[in-house]
Amino acid sequence: MIGIINYGAGNIFSLTAALDRLSLKYGMVNAGDTMEKYSHIIIPGVGHAGAAMQKLQTSGLVDSIKVLKKPVLGICVGMQLLTRHSEEGDAQLLDIMDIDTLHFTHKIPHKVPHMGWNQVSAKHADGLFRGIPTDAYFYFVHSYFIEYNPTFTLAYTTYGLKFSSAIQFNNFYGVQFHPEKSGEAGEQLLRNFCTI
């Protein structure tokens, strides 16, 4: 069963609607001592990374998340929380991966935020991306991006520059796009996560 970190910074409804469509069981995680009953953990998130990190700290869940050994998936801002630092609010984040979250502005000639469908090029057609074409399209809404780093990058996307659209370190995974809004490819990714 999936545990959804419920810290007041995620678009819980669209995620739970997608899990319902897939008949995947889930529950809400409001305290660290309840995580043990879940096999997989999802950290959702929308909006401001700095504010999301403050909410996560207020929830008292930070230490419990950092020591997890079960599969963890961060979505959008939830992915950014896995990095070291964000330019958004000059915020120190969970520091699970030694990479940074940066702002698109002044780095690209395109409109910000990056919003809509874009190609995600997976480095490997297994794990999270099993059964998904290596050049599938997913739905994005974000103004900040995670720098491309071959150590952590599972997949990349180009929007004026090449950035990490999926990352992994040990049992921690992150996707910048919204799988719950990305049609069949997104649903397959959520299924894949639940089999890790």
Protein backbone atom coordinates (compact mmCIF):
# COMPACT_ATOMS: atom_id res chain seq x y z
CA MET A 1 0.00 0.00 0.00
CA ILE A 2 1.19 3.53 -0.85
CA GLY A 3 1.64 6.16 1.83
CA ILE A 4 1.13 9.75 0.64
CA ILE A 5 3.03 12.34 2.67
CA ASN A 6 0.29 14.73 3.76
CA TYR A 7 2.05 17.97 4.69
CA GLY A 8 -0.20 20.58 3.11
CA ALA A 9 1.89 21.28 0.00
CA GLY A 10 0.64 18.70 -2.45
CA ASN A 11 -2.12 18.39 -4.99
CA ILE A 12 -3.47 15.31 -3.25
CA PHE A 13 -6.75 15.12 -5.18
CA SER A 14 -5.31 14.57 -8.67
CA LEU A 15 -2.85 12.01 -7.31
CA THR A 16 -5.46 10.04 -5.38
CA ALA A 17 -7.81 10.18 -8.39
CA ALA A 18 -5.07 8.58 -10.53
CA LEU A 19 -4.37 5.92 -7.90
CA ASP A 20 -8.10 5.18 -7.70
CA ARG A 21 -8.25 4.75 -11.49
CA LEU A 22 -5.39 2.24 -11.21
CA SER A 23 -6.98 0.45 -8.23
CA LEU A 24 -3.84 1.12 -6.17
CA LYS A 25 -4.47 1.29 -2.44
CA TYR A 26 -3.14 4.25 -0.49
CA GLY A 27 -3.36 6.11 2.81
CA MET A 28 -2.23 9.45 4.20
CA VAL A 29 0.96 9.81 6.23
CA ASN A 30 0.59 12.50 8.87
CA ALA A 31 3.21 11.26 11.34
CA GLY A 32 6.54 9.47 11.04
CA ASP A 33 5.48 6.50 13.12
CA THR A 34 2.75 5.61 10.62
CA MET A 35 5.13 5.09 7.67
CA GLU A 36 5.93 1.50 8.63
CA LYS A 37 2.53 0.25 7.46
CA TYR A 38 3.19 1.36 3.87
CA SER A 39 5.37 -0.42 1.31
CA HIS A 40 5.90 2.68 -0.87
CA ILE A 41 5.90 6.41 -0.11
CA ILE A 42 4.94 9.32 -2.40
CA ILE A 43 5.89 12.94 -1.65
CA PRO A 44 3.59 15.17 -3.73
CA GLY A 45 4.08 18.91 -4.04
CA VAL A 46 3.02 22.00 -5.92
CA GLY A 47 4.02 25.63 -5.57
CA HIS A 48 7.03 27.04 -3.73
CA ALA A 49 9.87 24.68 -2.75
CA GLY A 50 10.98 26.83 0.19
CA ALA A 51 7.46 27.00 1.60
CA ALA A 52 6.98 23.26 1.00
CA MET A 53 10.17 22.52 2.94
CA GLN A 54 8.97 24.67 5.84
CA LYS A 55 5.67 22.77 5.89
CA LEU A 56 7.55 19.47 5.81
CA GLN A 57 9.69 20.57 8.76
CA THR A 58 6.61 21.74 10.67
CA SER A 59 5.00 18.35 10.06
CA GLY A 60 7.89 16.64 11.86
CA LEU A 61 8.35 14.18 8.98
CA VAL A 62 11.81 15.24 7.75
CA ASP A 63 13.91 12.84 9.84
CA SER A 64 11.54 9.94 9.15
CA ILE A 65 11.74 10.53 5.38
CA LYS A 66 15.54 10.79 5.29
CA VAL A 67 16.04 7.36 6.87
CA LEU A 68 13.49 5.49 4.73
CA LYS A 69 14.72 2.31 3.05
CA LYS A 70 11.51 1.60 1.13
CA PRO A 71 10.84 3.11 -2.33
CA VAL A 72 10.07 6.85 -2.22
CA LEU A 73 8.77 8.92 -5.15
CA GLY A 74 8.83 12.72 -5.13
CA ILE A 75 6.52 14.40 -7.67
CA CYS A 76 7.18 17.96 -8.98
CA VAL A 77 8.07 20.02 -5.87
CA GLY A 78 8.25 16.68 -4.05
CA MET A 79 11.12 15.80 -6.40
CA GLN A 80 12.82 19.15 -5.79
CA LEU A 81 12.68 18.53 -2.03
CA LEU A 82 15.05 15.58 -2.55
CA THR A 83 17.82 17.94 -3.71
CA ARG A 84 20.35 19.90 -1.65
CA HIS A 85 19.23 23.47 -2.22
CA SER A 86 16.65 25.48 -4.17
CA GLU A 87 17.05 28.96 -5.59
CA GLU A 88 13.34 29.32 -4.82
CA GLY A 89 13.42 31.00 -1.42
CA ASP A 90 17.17 30.22 -1.07
CA ALA A 91 16.05 27.08 0.77
CA GLN A 92 18.04 24.18 2.15
CA LEU A 93 16.12 21.01 1.28
CA LEU A 94 16.34 17.32 2.26
CA ASP A 95 19.83 16.91 0.71
CA ILE A 96 19.22 13.30 -0.27
CA MET A 97 20.89 13.99 -3.62
CA ASP A 98 23.82 16.37 -4.00
CA ILE A 99 22.26 18.44 -6.78
CA ASP A 100 20.45 21.77 -6.84
CA THR A 101 17.10 23.14 -7.96
CA LEU A 102 17.58 26.20 -10.18
CA HIS A 103 15.36 28.87 -11.78
CA PHE A 104 14.75 28.86 -15.54
CA THR A 105 14.64 32.68 -15.73
CA HIS A 106 17.71 34.26 -17.40
CA LYS A 107 18.96 30.78 -18.38
CA ILE A 108 16.61 30.12 -21.31
CA PRO A 109 14.92 32.15 -24.08
CA HIS A 110 11.54 30.44 -23.53
CA LYS A 111 8.47 31.43 -21.56
CA VAL A 112 8.47 30.53 -17.86
CA PRO A 113 6.84 28.54 -16.38
CA HIS A 114 7.50 25.52 -18.53
CA MET A 115 3.93 24.30 -18.90
CA GLY A 116 2.42 21.56 -21.02
CA TRP A 117 3.52 18.34 -22.68
CA ASN A 118 7.18 17.69 -23.34
CA GLN A 119 9.33 14.72 -24.25
CA VAL A 120 11.04 12.74 -21.51
CA SER A 121 14.08 10.79 -22.68
CA ALA A 122 14.73 7.89 -20.32
CA LYS A 123 18.29 6.59 -20.05
CA HIS A 124 17.04 3.05 -19.35
CA ALA A 125 13.79 1.34 -20.32
CA ASP A 126 13.42 -0.41 -16.96
CA GLY A 127 12.55 0.49 -13.40
CA LEU A 128 10.28 3.53 -13.38
CA PHE A 129 10.19 3.61 -17.19
CA ARG A 130 9.51 -0.06 -17.86
CA GLY A 131 6.99 -0.45 -20.69
CA ILE A 132 7.13 3.28 -21.52
CA PRO A 133 8.66 4.48 -24.82
CA THR A 134 12.07 6.06 -24.23
CA ASP A 135 10.81 9.28 -25.84
CA ALA A 136 7.33 9.46 -24.25
CA TYR A 137 5.62 12.77 -23.48
CA PHE A 138 4.59 13.84 -19.96
CA TYR A 139 2.83 16.88 -18.52
CA PHE A 140 4.92 19.61 -16.84
CA VAL A 141 4.16 22.75 -14.83
CA HIS A 142 7.24 24.32 -13.23
CA SER A 143 9.46 27.41 -13.13
CA TYR A 144 12.40 25.69 -11.39
CA PHE A 145 14.39 22.73 -12.65
CA ILE A 146 16.92 20.24 -11.35
CA GLU A 147 20.33 20.47 -12.93
CA TYR A 148 21.34 17.59 -15.19
CA ASN A 149 23.78 15.27 -13.44
CA PRO A 150 24.54 11.83 -14.93
CA THR A 151 25.01 10.36 -11.45
CA PHE A 152 21.38 10.94 -10.50
CA THR A 153 19.53 11.45 -13.80
CA LEU A 154 17.13 8.68 -14.87
CA ALA A 155 15.59 10.79 -17.65
CA TYR A 156 16.06 14.24 -19.10
CA THR A 157 14.00 16.84 -20.91
CA THR A 158 15.01 19.83 -23.00
CA TYR A 159 13.40 23.24 -22.57
CA GLY A 160 15.98 25.79 -23.61
CA LEU A 161 18.47 23.62 -21.74
CA LYS A 162 18.79 19.98 -20.75
CA PHE A 163 17.49 19.25 -17.24
CA SER A 164 16.73 16.22 -15.11
CA SER A 165 13.09 15.24 -15.47
CA ALA A 166 13.57 12.05 -13.40
CA ILE A 167 16.20 11.29 -10.79
CA GLN A 168 17.21 8.42 -8.52
CA PHE A 169 19.54 7.73 -5.62
CA ASN A 170 19.21 4.33 -3.95
CA ASN A 171 15.52 3.96 -2.98
CA PHE A 172 14.65 7.62 -3.64
CA TYR A 173 13.10 8.57 -7.00
CA GLY A 174 11.80 11.87 -8.30
CA VAL A 175 9.91 13.09 -11.36
CA GLN A 176 9.52 16.75 -12.31
CA PHE A 177 6.44 16.07 -14.45
CA HIS A 178 3.02 15.06 -13.13
CA PRO A 179 2.46 11.35 -13.86
CA GLU A 180 -1.10 11.64 -12.51
CA LYS A 181 -1.85 14.10 -15.37
CA SER A 182 0.18 12.36 -18.07
CA GLY A 183 -2.22 9.83 -19.53
CA GLU A 184 -1.16 6.23 -20.19
CA ALA A 185 2.57 6.86 -19.79
CA GLY A 186 2.04 8.50 -16.42
CA GLU A 187 -0.23 5.72 -15.23
CA GLN A 188 2.34 3.13 -16.30
CA LEU A 189 5.01 4.98 -14.34
CA LEU A 190 2.87 4.93 -11.19
CA ARG A 191 2.27 1.20 -11.68
CA ASN A 192 6.00 0.67 -12.16
CA PHE A 193 6.83 2.56 -8.97
CA CYS A 194 4.50 0.29 -7.00
CA THR A 195 6.40 -2.81 -8.20
CA ILE A 196 9.85 -1.53 -7.17
